[in-house]
Amino acid sequence: MNPKRDKGRRLEAAFGRLPSAQQEMVLEFAEYLLERHGEDAPPQEPQWIERPEDESVIGAIKRLRLTYPMLDPSVLLPQTSELMSQHLTGGREAEEIIDELERMFRSHFNQLQE
């Protein structure tokens, strides 16, 4: 479940049912909101941060949150927690967990783009 994608679908469906004049008003209002609040919106492209040597799993999670600020942390939390648990209690190596975290974040970003 992706709340942002669901909102986009609802907006698209409602927009499509509006007459042309009201569609124009919606676009004008959206552009106004973007001008007013757009700088507060997270970037829509990843903000690449190089992976440091000997990075901890916690450090990787922080780096990936900064790299992908457009992703909803609540959507990522279950998988992130599971991977962290596998590292702390399951003995999986940090490098292996970080590789998997990077794939997970990239996958969620790709889903967001679709």
PDB file of N, CA and C in Angstrom:
ATOM      1  N   MET A   1       0.839  -1.173   0.000  1.00  0.00           N
ATOM      2  CA  MET A   1       0.000   0.000   0.000  1.00  0.00           C
ATOM      3  C   MET A   1       0.888   1.242   0.000  1.00  0.00           C
ATOM      4  N   ASN A   2       0.619   2.140  -0.927  1.00  0.00           N
ATOM      5  CA  ASN A   2       1.390   3.364  -1.038  1.00  0.00           C
ATOM      6  C   ASN A   2       0.424   4.541  -0.940  1.00  0.00           C
ATOM      7  N   PRO A   3       0.367   5.221   0.222  1.00  0.00           N
ATOM      8  CA  PRO A   3      -0.594   6.306   0.413  1.00  0.00           C
ATOM      9  C   PRO A   3      -0.455   7.419  -0.623  1.00  0.00           C
ATOM     10  N   LYS A   4       0.771   7.733  -1.004  1.00  0.00           N
ATOM     11  CA  LYS A   4       0.985   8.809  -1.967  1.00  0.00           C
ATOM     12  C   LYS A   4       0.423   8.422  -3.333  1.00  0.00           C
ATOM     13  N   ARG A   5       0.668   7.179  -3.741  1.00  0.00           N
ATOM     14  CA  ARG A   5       0.156   6.713  -5.023  1.00  0.00           C
ATOM     15  C   ARG A   5      -1.376   6.660  -5.001  1.00  0.00           C
ATOM     16  N   ASP A   6      -1.951   6.230  -3.855  1.00  0.00           N
ATOM     17  CA  ASP A   6      -3.404   6.175  -3.722  1.00  0.00           C
ATOM     18  C   ASP A   6      -4.017   7.564  -3.852  1.00  0.00           C
ATOM     19  N   LYS A   7      -3.384   8.559  -3.231  1.00  0.00           N
ATOM     20  CA  LYS A   7      -3.873   9.937  -3.356  1.00  0.00           C
ATOM     21  C   LYS A   7      -3.790  10.408  -4.795  1.00  0.00           C
ATOM     22  N   GLY A   8      -2.702  10.046  -5.469  1.00  0.00           N
ATOM     23  CA  GLY A   8      -2.541  10.425  -6.871  1.00  0.00           C
ATOM     24  C   GLY A   8      -3.632   9.826  -7.741  1.00  0.00           C
ATOM     25  N   ARG A   9      -3.968   8.583  -7.481  1.00  0.00           N
ATOM     26  CA  ARG A   9      -5.035   7.925  -8.251  1.00  0.00           C
ATOM     27  C   ARG A   9      -6.385   8.573  -7.984  1.00  0.00           C
ATOM     28  N   ARG A  10      -6.650   8.889  -6.706  1.00  0.00           N
ATOM     29  CA  ARG A  10      -7.915   9.559  -6.368  1.00  0.00           C
ATOM     30  C   ARG A  10      -7.999  10.917  -7.045  1.00  0.00           C
ATOM     31  N   LEU A  11      -6.895  11.658  -6.999  1.00  0.00           N
ATOM     32  CA  LEU A  11      -6.864  12.977  -7.629  1.00  0.00           C
ATOM     33  C   LEU A  11      -7.082  12.865  -9.130  1.00  0.00           C
ATOM     34  N   GLU A  12      -6.411  11.916  -9.743  1.00  0.00           N
ATOM     35  CA  GLU A  12      -6.554  11.716 -11.189  1.00  0.00           C
ATOM     36  C   GLU A  12      -7.993  11.353 -11.558  1.00  0.00           C
ATOM     37  N   ALA A  13      -8.611  10.484 -10.778  1.00  0.00           N
ATOM     38  CA  ALA A  13      -9.987  10.075 -11.055  1.00  0.00           C
ATOM     39  C   ALA A  13     -10.942  11.259 -10.910  1.00  0.00           C
ATOM     40  N   ALA A  14     -10.783  12.038  -9.846  1.00  0.00           N
ATOM     41  CA  ALA A  14     -11.650  13.201  -9.636  1.00  0.00           C
ATOM     42  C   ALA A  14     -11.422  14.246 -10.728  1.00  0.00           C
ATOM     43  N   PHE A  15     -10.159  14.474 -11.058  1.00  0.00           N
ATOM     44  CA  PHE A  15      -9.819  15.457 -12.086  1.00  0.00           C
ATOM     45  C   PHE A  15     -10.464  15.082 -13.425  1.00  0.00           C
ATOM     46  N   GLY A  16     -10.421  13.813 -13.754  1.00  0.00           N
ATOM     47  CA  GLY A  16     -10.985  13.347 -15.024  1.00  0.00           C
ATOM     48  C   GLY A  16     -12.487  13.524 -15.120  1.00  0.00           C
ATOM     49  N   ARG A  17     -13.178  13.585 -13.998  1.00  0.00           N
ATOM     50  CA  ARG A  17     -14.635  13.745 -14.003  1.00  0.00           C
ATOM     51  C   ARG A  17     -15.066  15.203 -14.036  1.00  0.00           C
ATOM     52  N   LEU A  18     -14.124  16.122 -13.839  1.00  0.00           N
ATOM     53  CA  LEU A  18     -14.468  17.544 -13.832  1.00  0.00           C
ATOM     54  C   LEU A  18     -14.600  18.103 -15.247  1.00  0.00           C
ATOM     55  N   PRO A  19     -15.483  19.091 -15.412  1.00  0.00           N
ATOM     56  CA  PRO A  19     -15.537  19.802 -16.700  1.00  0.00           C
ATOM     57  C   PRO A  19     -14.228  20.546 -16.940  1.00  0.00           C
ATOM     58  N   SER A  20     -13.963  20.885 -18.163  1.00  0.00           N
ATOM     59  CA  SER A  20     -12.702  21.509 -18.574  1.00  0.00           C
ATOM     60  C   SER A  20     -12.374  22.776 -17.780  1.00  0.00           C
ATOM     61  N   ALA A  21     -13.357  23.628 -17.550  1.00  0.00           N
ATOM     62  CA  ALA A  21     -13.105  24.884 -16.829  1.00  0.00           C
ATOM     63  C   ALA A  21     -12.643  24.606 -15.396  1.00  0.00           C
ATOM     64  N   GLN A  22     -13.258  23.625 -14.738  1.00  0.00           N
ATOM     65  CA  GLN A  22     -12.869  23.293 -13.363  1.00  0.00           C
ATOM     66  C   GLN A  22     -11.507  22.596 -13.338  1.00  0.00           C
ATOM     67  N   GLN A  23     -11.188  21.817 -14.376  1.00  0.00           N
ATOM     68  CA  GLN A  23      -9.864  21.213 -14.463  1.00  0.00           C
ATOM     69  C   GLN A  23      -8.803  22.308 -14.508  1.00  0.00           C
ATOM     70  N   GLU A  24      -9.086  23.346 -15.264  1.00  0.00           N
ATOM     71  CA  GLU A  24      -8.146  24.470 -15.362  1.00  0.00           C
ATOM     72  C   GLU A  24      -7.958  25.129 -13.999  1.00  0.00           C
ATOM     73  N   MET A  25      -9.050  25.271 -13.241  1.00  0.00           N
ATOM     74  CA  MET A  25      -8.965  25.866 -11.908  1.00  0.00           C
ATOM     75  C   MET A  25      -8.124  24.998 -10.972  1.00  0.00           C
ATOM     76  N   VAL A  26      -8.304  23.688 -11.065  1.00  0.00           N
ATOM     77  CA  VAL A  26      -7.516  22.775 -10.234  1.00  0.00           C
ATOM     78  C   VAL A  26      -6.037  22.924 -10.561  1.00  0.00           C
ATOM     79  N   LEU A  27      -5.703  22.984 -11.839  1.00  0.00           N
ATOM     80  CA  LEU A  27      -4.301  23.152 -12.241  1.00  0.00           C
ATOM     81  C   LEU A  27      -3.727  24.469 -11.723  1.00  0.00           C
ATOM     82  N   GLU A  28      -4.491  25.543 -11.854  1.00  0.00           N
ATOM     83  CA  GLU A  28      -4.022  26.845 -11.369  1.00  0.00           C
ATOM     84  C   GLU A  28      -3.792  26.809  -9.862  1.00  0.00           C
ATOM     85  N   PHE A  29      -4.708  26.172  -9.132  1.00  0.00           N
ATOM     86  CA  PHE A  29      -4.560  26.083  -7.683  1.00  0.00           C
ATOM     87  C   PHE A  29      -3.348  25.231  -7.309  1.00  0.00           C
ATOM     88  N   ALA A  30      -3.155  24.123  -8.000  1.00  0.00           N
ATOM     89  CA  ALA A  30      -1.998  23.262  -7.733  1.00  0.00           C
ATOM     90  C   ALA A  30      -0.695  24.018  -7.998  1.00  0.00           C
ATOM     91  N   GLU A  31      -0.643  24.778  -9.079  1.00  0.00           N
ATOM     92  CA  GLU A  31       0.556  25.566  -9.376  1.00  0.00           C
ATOM     93  C   GLU A  31       0.790  26.637  -8.318  1.00  0.00           C
ATOM     94  N   TYR A  32      -0.303  27.242  -7.838  1.00  0.00           N
ATOM     95  CA  TYR A  32      -0.192  28.224  -6.760  1.00  0.00           C
ATOM     96  C   TYR A  32       0.395  27.577  -5.504  1.00  0.00           C
ATOM     97  N   LEU A  33      -0.131  26.411  -5.130  1.00  0.00           N
ATOM     98  CA  LEU A  33       0.374  25.712  -3.948  1.00  0.00           C
ATOM     99  C   LEU A  33       1.840  25.319  -4.107  1.00  0.00           C
ATOM    100  N   LEU A  34       2.200  24.905  -5.294  1.00  0.00           N
ATOM    101  CA  LEU A  34       3.590  24.538  -5.542  1.00  0.00           C
ATOM    102  C   LEU A  34       4.511  25.740  -5.391  1.00  0.00           C
ATOM    103  N   GLU A  35       4.077  26.888  -5.912  1.00  0.00           N
ATOM    104  CA  GLU A  35       4.880  28.110  -5.756  1.00  0.00           C
ATOM    105  C   GLU A  35       5.007  28.481  -4.286  1.00  0.00           C
ATOM    106  N   ARG A  36       3.927  28.342  -3.552  1.00  0.00           N
ATOM    107  CA  ARG A  36       3.903  28.761  -2.155  1.00  0.00           C
ATOM    108  C   ARG A  36       4.627  27.792  -1.236  1.00  0.00           C
ATOM    109  N   HIS A  37       4.494  26.485  -1.510  1.00  0.00           N
ATOM    110  CA  HIS A  37       5.042  25.473  -0.603  1.00  0.00           C
ATOM    111  C   HIS A  37       6.047  24.546  -1.271  1.00  0.00           C
ATOM    112  N   GLY A  38       6.343  24.766  -2.520  1.00  0.00           N
ATOM    113  CA  GLY A  38       7.196  23.857  -3.274  1.00  0.00           C
ATOM    114  C   GLY A  38       8.580  23.670  -2.705  1.00  0.00           C
ATOM    115  N   GLU A  39       9.145  24.715  -2.110  1.00  0.00           N
ATOM    116  CA  GLU A  39      10.494  24.578  -1.559  1.00  0.00           C
ATOM    117  C   GLU A  39      10.512  23.660  -0.345  1.00  0.00           C
ATOM    118  N   ASP A  40       9.355  23.453   0.277  1.00  0.00           N
ATOM    119  CA  ASP A  40       9.274  22.549   1.418  1.00  0.00           C
ATOM    120  C   ASP A  40       9.094  21.096   0.991  1.00  0.00           C
ATOM    121  N   ALA A  41       8.740  20.907  -0.268  1.00  0.00           N
ATOM    122  CA  ALA A  41       8.501  19.555  -0.767  1.00  0.00           C
ATOM    123  C   ALA A  41       9.834  18.836  -0.934  1.00  0.00           C
ATOM    124  N   PRO A  42       9.875  17.538  -0.606  1.00  0.00           N
ATOM    125  CA  PRO A  42      11.131  16.818  -0.797  1.00  0.00           C
ATOM    126  C   PRO A  42      11.475  16.690  -2.273  1.00  0.00           C
ATOM    127  N   PRO A  43      12.754  16.645  -2.610  1.00  0.00           N
ATOM    128  CA  PRO A  43      13.147  16.473  -4.009  1.00  0.00           C
ATOM    129  C   PRO A  43      12.560  15.173  -4.558  1.00  0.00           C
ATOM    130  N   GLN A  44      12.274  15.161  -5.837  1.00  0.00           N
ATOM    131  CA  GLN A  44      11.685  13.978  -6.457  1.00  0.00           C
ATOM    132  C   GLN A  44      12.729  13.060  -7.074  1.00  0.00           C
ATOM    133  N   GLU A  45      13.966  13.459  -7.045  1.00  0.00           N
ATOM    134  CA  GLU A  45      15.064  12.620  -7.519  1.00  0.00           C
ATOM    135  C   GLU A  45      15.981  12.309  -6.340  1.00  0.00           C
ATOM    136  N   PRO A  46      16.573  11.126  -6.330  1.00  0.00           N
ATOM    137  CA  PRO A  46      17.484  10.783  -5.227  1.00  0.00           C
ATOM    138  C   PRO A  46      18.624  11.790  -5.105  1.00  0.00           C
ATOM    139  N   GLN A  47      18.994  12.069  -3.870  1.00  0.00           N
ATOM    140  CA  GLN A  47      20.105  12.971  -3.555  1.00  0.00           C
ATOM    141  C   GLN A  47      21.298  12.090  -3.173  1.00  0.00           C
ATOM    142  N   TRP A  48      22.034  11.631  -4.188  1.00  0.00           N
ATOM    143  CA  TRP A  48      23.063  10.602  -3.974  1.00  0.00           C
ATOM    144  C   TRP A  48      24.098  11.024  -2.955  1.00  0.00           C
ATOM    145  N   ILE A  49      24.306  10.145  -1.997  1.00  0.00           N
ATOM    146  CA  ILE A  49      25.329  10.301  -0.969  1.00  0.00           C
ATOM    147  C   ILE A  49      26.194   9.045  -1.034  1.00  0.00           C
ATOM    148  N   GLU A  50      27.477   9.256  -1.193  1.00  0.00           N
ATOM    149  CA  GLU A  50      28.384   8.115  -1.324  1.00  0.00           C
ATOM    150  C   GLU A  50      28.395   7.276  -0.049  1.00  0.00           C
ATOM    151  N   ARG A  51      28.449   5.976  -0.231  1.00  0.00           N
ATOM    152  CA  ARG A  51      28.481   5.037   0.889  1.00  0.00           C
ATOM    153  C   ARG A  51      29.871   5.028   1.499  1.00  0.00           C
ATOM    154  N   PRO A  52      29.979   5.410   2.769  1.00  0.00           N
ATOM    155  CA  PRO A  52      31.301   5.415   3.404  1.00  0.00           C
ATOM    156  C   PRO A  52      31.792   3.998   3.709  1.00  0.00           C
ATOM    157  N   GLU A  53      33.092   3.866   3.802  1.00  0.00           N
ATOM    158  CA  GLU A  53      33.668   2.582   4.209  1.00  0.00           C
ATOM    159  C   GLU A  53      33.280   2.317   5.656  1.00  0.00           C
ATOM    160  N   ASP A  54      33.140   1.059   5.995  1.00  0.00           N
ATOM    161  CA  ASP A  54      32.814   0.644   7.360  1.00  0.00           C
ATOM    162  C   ASP A  54      31.560   1.327   7.902  1.00  0.00           C
ATOM    163  N   GLU A  55      30.566   1.508   7.041  1.00  0.00           N
ATOM    164  CA  GLU A  55      29.309   2.132   7.451  1.00  0.00           C
ATOM    165  C   GLU A  55      28.519   1.174   8.340  1.00  0.00           C
ATOM    166  N   SER A  56      27.888   1.708   9.369  1.00  0.00           N
ATOM    167  CA  SER A  56      27.016   0.894  10.217  1.00  0.00           C
ATOM    168  C   SER A  56      25.640   0.788   9.556  1.00  0.00           C
ATOM    169  N   VAL A  57      24.860  -0.172  10.013  1.00  0.00           N
ATOM    170  CA  VAL A  57      23.511  -0.326   9.469  1.00  0.00           C
ATOM    171  C   VAL A  57      22.676   0.913   9.788  1.00  0.00           C
ATOM    172  N   ILE A  58      22.788   1.424  10.995  1.00  0.00           N
ATOM    173  CA  ILE A  58      22.062   2.649  11.370  1.00  0.00           C
ATOM    174  C   ILE A  58      22.507   3.804  10.486  1.00  0.00           C
ATOM    175  N   GLY A  59      23.804   3.935  10.271  1.00  0.00           N
ATOM    176  CA  GLY A  59      24.319   4.981   9.390  1.00  0.00           C
ATOM    177  C   GLY A  59      23.779   4.839   7.983  1.00  0.00           C
ATOM    178  N   ALA A  60      23.669   3.612   7.504  1.00  0.00           N
ATOM    179  CA  ALA A  60      23.142   3.368   6.155  1.00  0.00           C
ATOM    180  C   ALA A  60      21.680   3.779   6.064  1.00  0.00           C
ATOM    181  N   ILE A  61      20.908   3.462   7.089  1.00  0.00           N
ATOM    182  CA  ILE A  61      19.488   3.850   7.087  1.00  0.00           C
ATOM    183  C   ILE A  61      19.367   5.365   7.048  1.00  0.00           C
ATOM    184  N   LYS A  62      20.172   6.053   7.848  1.00  0.00           N
ATOM    185  CA  LYS A  62      20.148   7.524   7.835  1.00  0.00           C
ATOM    186  C   LYS A  62      20.550   8.063   6.471  1.00  0.00           C
ATOM    187  N   ARG A  63      21.602   7.487   5.887  1.00  0.00           N
ATOM    188  CA  ARG A  63      22.066   7.935   4.564  1.00  0.00           C
ATOM    189  C   ARG A  63      20.993   7.710   3.508  1.00  0.00           C
ATOM    190  N   LEU A  64      20.359   6.550   3.548  1.00  0.00           N
ATOM    191  CA  LEU A  64      19.341   6.234   2.543  1.00  0.00           C
ATOM    192  C   LEU A  64      18.094   7.097   2.717  1.00  0.00           C
ATOM    193  N   ARG A  65      17.750   7.465   3.955  1.00  0.00           N
ATOM    194  CA  ARG A  65      16.621   8.384   4.173  1.00  0.00           C
ATOM    195  C   ARG A  65      16.938   9.754   3.566  1.00  0.00           C
ATOM    196  N   LEU A  66      18.196  10.185   3.666  1.00  0.00           N
ATOM    197  CA  LEU A  66      18.600  11.458   3.055  1.00  0.00           C
ATOM    198  C   LEU A  66      18.674  11.339   1.533  1.00  0.00           C
ATOM    199  N   THR A  67      19.072  10.173   1.057  1.00  0.00           N
ATOM    200  CA  THR A  67      19.172   9.948  -0.386  1.00  0.00           C
ATOM    201  C   THR A  67      17.796   9.920  -1.036  1.00  0.00           C
ATOM    202  N   TYR A  68      16.827   9.334  -0.336  1.00  0.00           N
ATOM    203  CA  TYR A  68      15.462   9.180  -0.872  1.00  0.00           C
ATOM    204  C   TYR A  68      14.448   9.902   0.022  1.00  0.00           C
ATOM    205  N   PRO A  69      14.517  11.241   0.101  1.00  0.00           N
ATOM    206  CA  PRO A  69      13.603  11.962   1.006  1.00  0.00           C
ATOM    207  C   PRO A  69      12.141  11.902   0.564  1.00  0.00           C
ATOM    208  N   MET A  70      11.903  11.511  -0.686  1.00  0.00           N
ATOM    209  CA  MET A  70      10.531  11.462  -1.186  1.00  0.00           C
ATOM    210  C   MET A  70       9.782  10.210  -0.730  1.00  0.00           C
ATOM    211  N   LEU A  71      10.483   9.250  -0.151  1.00  0.00           N
ATOM    212  CA  LEU A  71       9.843   8.009   0.290  1.00  0.00           C
ATOM    213  C   LEU A  71       9.234   8.174   1.683  1.00  0.00           C
ATOM    214  N   ASP A  72       8.088   7.565   1.865  1.00  0.00           N
ATOM    215  CA  ASP A  72       7.369   7.624   3.134  1.00  0.00           C
ATOM    216  C   ASP A  72       8.034   6.662   4.125  1.00  0.00           C
ATOM    217  N   PRO A  73       8.604   7.181   5.220  1.00  0.00           N
ATOM    218  CA  PRO A  73       9.292   6.317   6.176  1.00  0.00           C
ATOM    219  C   PRO A  73       8.387   5.241   6.773  1.00  0.00           C
ATOM    220  N   SER A  74       7.108   5.529   6.933  1.00  0.00           N
ATOM    221  CA  SER A  74       6.205   4.543   7.536  1.00  0.00           C
ATOM    222  C   SER A  74       6.023   3.324   6.639  1.00  0.00           C
ATOM    223  N   VAL A  75       6.163   3.505   5.331  1.00  0.00           N
ATOM    224  CA  VAL A  75       6.061   2.386   4.397  1.00  0.00           C
ATOM    225  C   VAL A  75       7.320   1.522   4.481  1.00  0.00           C
ATOM    226  N   LEU A  76       8.453   2.159   4.706  1.00  0.00           N
ATOM    227  CA  LEU A  76       9.737   1.451   4.761  1.00  0.00           C
ATOM    228  C   LEU A  76      10.012   0.801   6.116  1.00  0.00           C
ATOM    229  N   LEU A  77       9.342   1.268   7.154  1.00  0.00           N
ATOM    230  CA  LEU A  77       9.655   0.837   8.516  1.00  0.00           C
ATOM    231  C   LEU A  77       9.599  -0.672   8.729  1.00  0.00           C
ATOM    232  N   PRO A  78       8.562  -1.379   8.286  1.00  0.00           N
ATOM    233  CA  PRO A  78       8.536  -2.821   8.561  1.00  0.00           C
ATOM    234  C   PRO A  78       9.735  -3.574   7.985  1.00  0.00           C
ATOM    235  N   GLN A  79      10.075  -3.305   6.728  1.00  0.00           N
ATOM    236  CA  GLN A  79      11.212  -4.003   6.110  1.00  0.00           C
ATOM    237  C   GLN A  79      12.530  -3.565   6.737  1.00  0.00           C
ATOM    238  N   THR A  80      12.654  -2.284   7.016  1.00  0.00           N
ATOM    239  CA  THR A  80      13.875  -1.768   7.627  1.00  0.00           C
ATOM    240  C   THR A  80      14.081  -2.390   9.010  1.00  0.00           C
ATOM    241  N   SER A  81      13.013  -2.465   9.791  1.00  0.00           N
ATOM    242  CA  SER A  81      13.097  -3.064  11.126  1.00  0.00           C
ATOM    243  C   SER A  81      13.469  -4.538  11.050  1.00  0.00           C
ATOM    244  N   GLU A  82      12.898  -5.233  10.090  1.00  0.00           N
ATOM    245  CA  GLU A  82      13.197  -6.656   9.922  1.00  0.00           C
ATOM    246  C   GLU A  82      14.676  -6.860   9.589  1.00  0.00           C
ATOM    247  N   LEU A  83      15.199  -6.049   8.681  1.00  0.00           N
ATOM    248  CA  LEU A  83      16.610  -6.163   8.317  1.00  0.00           C
ATOM    249  C   LEU A  83      17.516  -5.819   9.492  1.00  0.00           C
ATOM    250  N   MET A  84      17.150  -4.783  10.241  1.00  0.00           N
ATOM    251  CA  MET A  84      17.944  -4.400  11.403  1.00  0.00           C
ATOM    252  C   MET A  84      17.945  -5.534  12.422  1.00  0.00           C
ATOM    253  N   SER A  85      16.802  -6.152  12.616  1.00  0.00           N
ATOM    254  CA  SER A  85      16.693  -7.279  13.540  1.00  0.00           C
ATOM    255  C   SER A  85      17.562  -8.460  13.075  1.00  0.00           C
ATOM    256  N   GLN A  86      17.565  -8.722  11.781  1.00  0.00           N
ATOM    257  CA  GLN A  86      18.400  -9.797  11.241  1.00  0.00           C
ATOM    258  C   GLN A  86      19.877  -9.530  11.499  1.00  0.00           C
ATOM    259  N   HIS A  87      20.252  -8.276  11.495  1.00  0.00           N
ATOM    260  CA  HIS A  87      21.642  -7.911  11.761  1.00  0.00           C
ATOM    261  C   HIS A  87      21.965  -8.054  13.257  1.00  0.00           C
ATOM    262  N   LEU A  88      21.086  -7.495  14.091  1.00  0.00           N
ATOM    263  CA  LEU A  88      21.375  -7.461  15.526  1.00  0.00           C
ATOM    264  C   LEU A  88      21.222  -8.814  16.200  1.00  0.00           C
ATOM    265  N   THR A  89      20.162  -9.531  15.880  1.00  0.00           N
ATOM    266  CA  THR A  89      19.910 -10.792  16.576  1.00  0.00           C
ATOM    267  C   THR A  89      20.190 -12.017  15.715  1.00  0.00           C
ATOM    268  N   GLY A  90      20.172 -11.835  14.407  1.00  0.00           N
ATOM    269  CA  GLY A  90      20.391 -12.972  13.525  1.00  0.00           C
ATOM    270  C   GLY A  90      21.822 -13.127  13.075  1.00  0.00           C
ATOM    271  N   GLY A  91      22.640 -12.135  13.361  1.00  0.00           N
ATOM    272  CA  GLY A  91      24.051 -12.248  13.042  1.00  0.00           C
ATOM    273  C   GLY A  91      24.427 -11.988  11.594  1.00  0.00           C
ATOM    274  N   ARG A  92      23.495 -11.474  10.785  1.00  0.00           N
ATOM    275  CA  ARG A  92      23.861 -11.166   9.396  1.00  0.00           C
ATOM    276  C   ARG A  92      24.833  -9.993   9.378  1.00  0.00           C
ATOM    277  N   GLU A  93      25.796 -10.052   8.486  1.00  0.00           N
ATOM    278  CA  GLU A  93      26.832  -9.029   8.374  1.00  0.00           C
ATOM    279  C   GLU A  93      26.242  -7.682   7.951  1.00  0.00           C
ATOM    280  N   ALA A  94      26.826  -6.611   8.486  1.00  0.00           N
ATOM    281  CA  ALA A  94      26.357  -5.258   8.182  1.00  0.00           C
ATOM    282  C   ALA A  94      26.381  -4.984   6.679  1.00  0.00           C
ATOM    283  N   GLU A  95      27.447  -5.366   6.009  1.00  0.00           N
ATOM    284  CA  GLU A  95      27.579  -5.092   4.573  1.00  0.00           C
ATOM    285  C   GLU A  95      26.445  -5.752   3.776  1.00  0.00           C
ATOM    286  N   GLU A  96      26.106  -6.962   4.146  1.00  0.00           N
ATOM    287  CA  GLU A  96      25.022  -7.693   3.480  1.00  0.00           C
ATOM    288  C   GLU A  96      23.674  -6.997   3.719  1.00  0.00           C
ATOM    289  N   ILE A  97      23.438  -6.574   4.944  1.00  0.00           N
ATOM    290  CA  ILE A  97      22.192  -5.875   5.286  1.00  0.00           C
ATOM    291  C   ILE A  97      22.118  -4.540   4.549  1.00  0.00           C
ATOM    292  N   ILE A  98      23.229  -3.815   4.510  1.00  0.00           N
ATOM    293  CA  ILE A  98      23.254  -2.514   3.832  1.00  0.00           C
ATOM    294  C   ILE A  98      22.981  -2.688   2.341  1.00  0.00           C
ATOM    295  N   ASP A  99      23.567  -3.711   1.733  1.00  0.00           N
ATOM    296  CA  ASP A  99      23.280  -3.981   0.309  1.00  0.00           C
ATOM    297  C   ASP A  99      21.784  -4.201   0.103  1.00  0.00           C
ATOM    298  N   GLU A 100      21.185  -4.967   1.008  1.00  0.00           N
ATOM    299  CA  GLU A 100      19.751  -5.247   0.896  1.00  0.00           C
ATOM    300  C   GLU A 100      18.920  -3.986   1.146  1.00  0.00           C
ATOM    301  N   LEU A 101      19.332  -3.159   2.099  1.00  0.00           N
ATOM    302  CA  LEU A 101      18.635  -1.889   2.344  1.00  0.00           C
ATOM    303  C   LEU A 101      18.680  -1.001   1.100  1.00  0.00           C
ATOM    304  N   GLU A 102      19.842  -0.935   0.457  1.00  0.00           N
ATOM    305  CA  GLU A 102      19.963  -0.123  -0.751  1.00  0.00           C
ATOM    306  C   GLU A 102      19.031  -0.624  -1.847  1.00  0.00           C
ATOM    307  N   ARG A 103      18.949  -1.947  -2.011  1.00  0.00           N
ATOM    308  CA  ARG A 103      18.025  -2.512  -3.010  1.00  0.00           C
ATOM    309  C   ARG A 103      16.574  -2.189  -2.650  1.00  0.00           C
ATOM    310  N   MET A 104      16.256  -2.285  -1.365  1.00  0.00           N
ATOM    311  CA  MET A 104      14.895  -2.016  -0.916  1.00  0.00           C
ATOM    312  C   MET A 104      14.499  -0.558  -1.172  1.00  0.00           C
ATOM    313  N   PHE A 105      15.359   0.372  -0.783  1.00  0.00           N
ATOM    314  CA  PHE A 105      15.062   1.787  -1.007  1.00  0.00           C
ATOM    315  C   PHE A 105      14.925   2.070  -2.503  1.00  0.00           C
ATOM    316  N   ARG A 106      15.829   1.527  -3.304  1.00  0.00           N
ATOM    317  CA  ARG A 106      15.772   1.736  -4.761  1.00  0.00           C
ATOM    318  C   ARG A 106      14.479   1.163  -5.332  1.00  0.00           C
ATOM    319  N   SER A 107      14.069   0.010  -4.849  1.00  0.00           N
ATOM    320  CA  SER A 107      12.834  -0.622  -5.304  1.00  0.00           C
ATOM    321  C   SER A 107      11.615   0.230  -4.967  1.00  0.00           C
ATOM    322  N   HIS A 108      11.573   0.744  -3.750  1.00  0.00           N
ATOM    323  CA  HIS A 108      10.456   1.619  -3.358  1.00  0.00           C
ATOM    324  C   HIS A 108      10.451   2.898  -4.193  1.00  0.00           C
ATOM    325  N   PHE A 109      11.624   3.432  -4.477  1.00  0.00           N
ATOM    326  CA  PHE A 109      11.693   4.620  -5.322  1.00  0.00           C
ATOM    327  C   PHE A 109      11.174   4.303  -6.731  1.00  0.00           C
ATOM    328  N   ASN A 110      11.573   3.163  -7.280  1.00  0.00           N
ATOM    329  CA  ASN A 110      11.105   2.771  -8.620  1.00  0.00           C
ATOM    330  C   ASN A 110       9.590   2.597  -8.641  1.00  0.00           C
ATOM    331  N   GLN A 111       9.027   2.024  -7.591  1.00  0.00           N
ATOM    332  CA  GLN A 111       7.572   1.868  -7.501  1.00  0.00           C
ATOM    333  C   GLN A 111       6.885   3.231  -7.448  1.00  0.00           C
ATOM    334  N   LEU A 112       7.484   4.164  -6.736  1.00  0.00           N
ATOM    335  CA  LEU A 112       6.933   5.517  -6.642  1.00  0.00           C
ATOM    336  C   LEU A 112       6.909   6.195  -8.007  1.00  0.00           C
ATOM    337  N   GLN A 113       7.913   5.913  -8.826  1.00  0.00           N
ATOM    338  CA  GLN A 113       8.008   6.537 -10.146  1.00  0.00           C
ATOM    339  C   GLN A 113       6.995   5.987 -11.133  1.00  0.00           C
ATOM    340  N   GLU A 114       6.512   4.754 -10.887  1.00  0.00           N
ATOM    341  CA  GLU A 114       5.571   4.123 -11.823  1.00  0.00           C
ATOM    342  C   GLU A 114       4.190   4.712 -11.732  1.00  0.00           C
TER     343      GLU A 114
END
